[in-house]
C-alpha atoms as a PDB file:
ATOM      1  CA  MET A   1      77.954 109.137  92.203  1.00  0.00           C
ATOM      2  CA  ALA A   2      81.587 108.717  93.204  1.00  0.00           C
ATOM      3  CA  GLY A   3      80.526 108.578  96.857  1.00  0.00           C
ATOM      4  CA  LYS A   4      78.159 105.702  96.115  1.00  0.00           C
ATOM      5  CA  LEU A   5      80.942 103.803  94.332  1.00  0.00           C
ATOM      6  CA  ASP A   6      83.233 104.390  97.296  1.00  0.00           C
ATOM      7  CA  ASP A   7      80.562 103.068  99.642  1.00  0.00           C
ATOM      8  CA  TYR A   8      80.000 100.061  97.350  1.00  0.00           C
ATOM      9  CA  LEU A   9      83.687  99.107  97.368  1.00  0.00           C
ATOM     10  CA  ASN A  10      84.556 100.317 100.900  1.00  0.00           C
ATOM     11  CA  PHE A  11      84.110  97.014 102.749  1.00  0.00           C
ATOM     12  CA  ASN A  12      86.338  94.985 100.440  1.00  0.00           C
ATOM     13  CA  GLN A  13      88.917  97.784 100.184  1.00  0.00           C
ATOM     14  CA  THR A  14      89.169  97.985 103.958  1.00  0.00           C
ATOM     15  CA  ALA A  15      89.302  94.185 104.269  1.00  0.00           C
ATOM     16  CA  LEU A  16      92.107  93.972 101.664  1.00  0.00           C
ATOM     17  CA  ASN A  17      94.152  96.646 103.426  1.00  0.00           C
ATOM     18  CA  LEU A  18      93.723  94.910 106.761  1.00  0.00           C
ATOM     19  CA  ARG A  19      94.526  91.468 105.307  1.00  0.00           C
ATOM     20  CA  SER A  20      97.687  92.897 103.756  1.00  0.00           C
ATOM     21  CA  GLN A  21      98.765  94.390 107.080  1.00  0.00           C
ATOM     22  CA  ARG A  22      98.036  91.116 108.855  1.00  0.00           C
ATOM     23  CA  GLN A  23     100.084  89.198 106.276  1.00  0.00           C
ATOM     24  CA  GLN A  24     103.059  91.465 107.052  1.00  0.00           C
ATOM     25  CA  ILE A  25     102.627  90.885 110.786  1.00  0.00           C
ATOM     26  CA  LEU A  26     102.473  87.110 110.339  1.00  0.00           C
ATOM     27  CA  ALA A  27     105.512  87.169 108.030  1.00  0.00           C
ATOM     28  CA  SER A  28     107.399  89.130 110.671  1.00  0.00           C
ATOM     29  CA  ASN A  29     106.491  86.506 113.256  1.00  0.00           C
ATOM     30  CA  ILE A  30     107.760  83.719 111.006  1.00  0.00           C
ATOM     31  CA  ALA A  31     110.959  85.624 110.197  1.00  0.00           C
ATOM     32  CA  ASN A  32     111.686  86.077 113.908  1.00  0.00           C
ATOM     33  CA  ALA A  33     110.977  82.492 114.941  1.00  0.00           C
ATOM     34  CA  ASP A  34     114.572  82.022 116.096  1.00  0.00           C
ATOM     35  CA  THR A  35     115.026  85.452 117.709  1.00  0.00           C
ATOM     36  CA  PRO A  36     115.417  85.161 121.487  1.00  0.00           C
ATOM     37  CA  ASN A  37     112.717  86.980 123.502  1.00  0.00           C
ATOM     38  CA  TYR A  38     110.700  87.854 120.370  1.00  0.00           C
ATOM     39  CA  LYS A  39     106.993  88.086 121.181  1.00  0.00           C
ATOM     40  CA  ALA A  40     104.627  87.005 118.410  1.00  0.00           C
ATOM     41  CA  ARG A  41     101.916  89.523 117.504  1.00  0.00           C
ATOM     42  CA  ASP A  42      98.624  89.288 115.693  1.00  0.00           C
ATOM     43  CA  ILE A  43      95.386  91.202 115.302  1.00  0.00           C
ATOM     44  CA  ASP A  44      91.743  90.340 115.790  1.00  0.00           C
ATOM     45  CA  PHE A  45      90.752  90.679 112.139  1.00  0.00           C
ATOM     46  CA  ALA A  46      86.986  90.793 112.642  1.00  0.00           C
ATOM     47  CA  GLY A  47      87.119  93.302 115.489  1.00  0.00           C
ATOM     48  CA  THR A  48      89.635  95.554 113.766  1.00  0.00           C
ATOM     49  CA  LEU A  49      87.648  95.488 110.486  1.00  0.00           C
ATOM     50  CA  LYS A  50      84.465  96.381 112.357  1.00  0.00           C
ATOM     51  CA  ASN A  51      86.204  99.327 114.078  1.00  0.00           C
ATOM     52  CA  LYS A  52      87.713 100.621 110.834  1.00  0.00           C
ATOM     53  CA  LEU A  53      84.373 100.439 109.028  1.00  0.00           C
ATOM     54  CA  LYS A  54      82.652 102.289 111.889  1.00  0.00           C
ATOM     55  CA  ALA A  55      85.360 104.969 111.802  1.00  0.00           C
ATOM     56  CA  ALA A  56      85.055 105.365 108.034  1.00  0.00           C
ATOM     57  CA  GLN A  57      81.269 105.523 108.241  1.00  0.00           C
ATOM     58  CA  SER A  58      81.261 108.131 111.020  1.00  0.00           C
ATOM     59  CA  SER A  59      83.838 110.307 109.258  1.00  0.00           C
ATOM     60  CA  SER A  60      81.892 110.169 105.982  1.00  0.00           C
ATOM     61  CA  SER A  61      78.643 111.043 107.733  1.00  0.00           C
ATOM     62  CA  VAL A  62      80.275 114.128 109.260  1.00  0.00           C
ATOM     63  CA  ALA A  63      81.213 115.336 105.767  1.00  0.00           C
ATOM     64  CA  GLN A  64      77.590 115.049 104.604  1.00  0.00           C
ATOM     65  CA  VAL A  65      75.931 117.106 107.353  1.00  0.00           C
ATOM     66  CA  PRO A  66      73.302 119.367 105.785  1.00  0.00           C
ATOM     67  CA  GLY A  67      74.298 123.035 105.719  1.00  0.00           C
ATOM     68  CA  VAL A  68      78.020 122.242 105.807  1.00  0.00           C
ATOM     69  CA  GLY A  69      79.722 121.910 102.473  1.00  0.00           C
ATOM     70  CA  MET A  70      82.403 123.098 100.123  1.00  0.00           C
ATOM     71  CA  ALA A  71      82.302 126.508  98.469  1.00  0.00           C
ATOM     72  CA  VAL A  72      80.641 126.266  95.072  1.00  0.00           C
ATOM     73  CA  THR A  73      81.738 128.849  92.543  1.00  0.00           C
ATOM     74  CA  SER A  74      80.190 127.209  89.494  1.00  0.00           C
ATOM     75  CA  PRO A  75      76.972 125.239  88.925  1.00  0.00           C
ATOM     76  CA  MET A  76      79.153 122.594  87.200  1.00  0.00           C
ATOM     77  CA  HIS A  77      80.894 121.632  90.466  1.00  0.00           C
ATOM     78  CA  LEU A  78      80.134 118.188  91.823  1.00  0.00           C
ATOM     79  CA  ALA A  79      79.316 117.632  95.471  1.00  0.00           C
ATOM     80  CA  GLY A  80      82.093 115.745  97.142  1.00  0.00           C
ATOM     81  CA  LYS A  81      83.434 114.576 100.424  1.00  0.00           C
ATOM     82  CA  PRO A  82      86.967 114.683 101.756  1.00  0.00           C
ATOM     83  CA  PRO A  83      89.046 111.525 101.348  1.00  0.00           C
ATOM     84  CA  VAL A  84      89.132 109.219 104.328  1.00  0.00           C
ATOM     85  CA  ALA A  85      92.611 108.189 105.381  1.00  0.00           C
ATOM     86  CA  THR A  86      93.052 104.538 106.273  1.00  0.00           C
ATOM     87  CA  PRO A  87      95.625 104.498 109.055  1.00  0.00           C
ATOM     88  CA  THR A  88      98.049 101.625 109.199  1.00  0.00           C
ATOM     89  CA  MET A  89      98.531  99.674 112.373  1.00  0.00           C
ATOM     90  CA  HIS A  90     101.648 100.536 114.339  1.00  0.00           C
ATOM     91  CA  SER A  91     103.651  97.804 116.030  1.00  0.00           C
ATOM     92  CA  ASP A  92     102.947  99.416 119.424  1.00  0.00           C
ATOM     93  CA  ASP A  93      99.190  98.915 118.891  1.00  0.00           C
ATOM     94  CA  LEU A  94      99.392  95.208 118.083  1.00  0.00           C
ATOM     95  CA  PRO A  95      98.392  92.739 120.746  1.00  0.00           C
ATOM     96  CA  TYR A  96     100.679  89.848 121.589  1.00  0.00           C
ATOM     97  CA  ARG A  97      99.640  86.366 120.619  1.00  0.00           C
ATOM     98  CA  THR A  98      98.720  84.007 123.442  1.00  0.00           C
ATOM     99  CA  VAL A  99     101.450  81.518 124.167  1.00  0.00           C
ATOM    100  CA  ASP A 100     100.480  77.855 123.770  1.00  0.00           C
ATOM    101  CA  GLN A 101     103.910  76.429 124.399  1.00  0.00           C
ATOM    102  CA  PRO A 102     106.575  78.625 126.034  1.00  0.00           C
ATOM    103  CA  SER A 103     110.172  78.242 124.904  1.00  0.00           C
ATOM    104  CA  LEU A 104     113.347  78.469 126.958  1.00  0.00           C
ATOM    105  CA  ASP A 105     114.690  81.490 125.065  1.00  0.00           C
ATOM    106  CA  GLY A 106     111.517  83.566 125.656  1.00  0.00           C
ATOM    107  CA  ASN A 107     110.365  83.435 122.011  1.00  0.00           C
ATOM    108  CA  THR A 108     106.593  83.006 121.694  1.00  0.00           C
ATOM    109  CA  VAL A 109     106.446  82.165 117.963  1.00  0.00           C
ATOM    110  CA  ASP A 110     104.919  78.768 117.202  1.00  0.00           C
ATOM    111  CA  LEU A 111     105.856  78.092 113.586  1.00  0.00           C
ATOM    112  CA  ASP A 112     102.970  75.666 113.012  1.00  0.00           C
ATOM    113  CA  VAL A 113     100.417  78.223 114.201  1.00  0.00           C
ATOM    114  CA  GLU A 114     102.079  81.064 112.272  1.00  0.00           C
ATOM    115  CA  ARG A 115     102.270  79.123 109.006  1.00  0.00           C
ATOM    116  CA  ASN A 116      98.654  78.041 109.375  1.00  0.00           C
ATOM    117  CA  GLN A 117      97.516  81.623 110.045  1.00  0.00           C
ATOM    118  CA  PHE A 118      99.681  82.910 107.170  1.00  0.00           C
ATOM    119  CA  ALA A 119      98.121  80.439 104.702  1.00  0.00           C
ATOM    120  CA  ASP A 120      94.599  81.072 106.010  1.00  0.00           C
ATOM    121  CA  ASN A 121      95.029  84.849 105.735  1.00  0.00           C
ATOM    122  CA  GLY A 122      96.435  84.437 102.220  1.00  0.00           C
ATOM    123  CA  LEU A 123      93.387  82.427 101.146  1.00  0.00           C
ATOM    124  CA  HIS A 124      91.041  85.036 102.588  1.00  0.00           C
ATOM    125  CA  TYR A 125      92.999  87.747 100.780  1.00  0.00           C
ATOM    126  CA  GLU A 126      92.588  85.882  97.474  1.00  0.00           C
ATOM    127  CA  ALA A 127      88.862  85.422  98.135  1.00  0.00           C
ATOM    128  CA  THR A 128      88.463  89.142  98.804  1.00  0.00           C
ATOM    129  CA  VAL A 129      90.333  89.980  95.590  1.00  0.00           C
ATOM    130  CA  THR A 130      87.949  87.658  93.735  1.00  0.00           C
ATOM    131  CA  ALA A 131      84.985  89.460  95.339  1.00  0.00           C
ATOM    132  CA  VAL A 132      86.372  92.841  94.289  1.00  0.00           C
ATOM    133  CA  ASN A 133      86.865  91.555  90.737  1.00  0.00           C
ATOM    134  CA  GLY A 134      83.239  90.419  90.738  1.00  0.00           C
ATOM    135  CA  GLN A 135      82.067  93.828  91.932  1.00  0.00           C
ATOM    136  CA  ILE A 136      84.083  95.584  89.248  1.00  0.00           C
ATOM    137  CA  LYS A 137      82.826  93.199  86.535  1.00  0.00           C
ATOM    138  CA  SER A 138      79.218  93.818  87.577  1.00  0.00           C
ATOM    139  CA  LEU A 139      79.831  97.593  87.505  1.00  0.00           C
ATOM    140  CA  MET A 140      81.395  97.302  84.055  1.00  0.00           C
ATOM    141  CA  SER A 141      78.426  95.238  82.899  1.00  0.00           C
ATOM    142  CA  VAL A 142      76.025  97.947  84.072  1.00  0.00           C
ATOM    143  CA  ILE A 143      78.098 100.702  82.470  1.00  0.00           C
ATOM    144  CA  GLN A 144      78.411  98.875  79.151  1.00  0.00           C
ATOM    145  CA  GLY A 145      74.766  97.900  78.997  1.00  0.00           C
ATOM    146  CA  GLY A 146      74.814  94.288  80.247  1.00  0.00           C
ATOM    147  CA  ASN A 147      76.266  92.358  77.335  1.00  0.00           C
END
């Protein structure tokens, strides 16, 4: 049962974690707008989300291979799967943003683009939180009998 709940909430959980990481990256770009030779970074949200979901799905399917399981010493034990770690993105893995307008000091941060991306990412984060709240409310409604 817990595995099904994890699967049900996995997409939005992964999206929220990735949106949060992207917000930090964008905030770092904005904070370093005046730093000489600073190179703005960003991530391809859709591609990264797709890769993380594939990785989570393949690691969970490995844990559910028939014939391979945890030792059961009591009939009351529940079948489970190991937790899947969600790795954070390291600054070395982040691609650089394409430069639209080069500056003389070598800084590639365009404040208008960064602010726009920051606000857009924030709105998507809020929308995902709203979706998670809806999922939880529907689960609570099922558990409580659909008042």
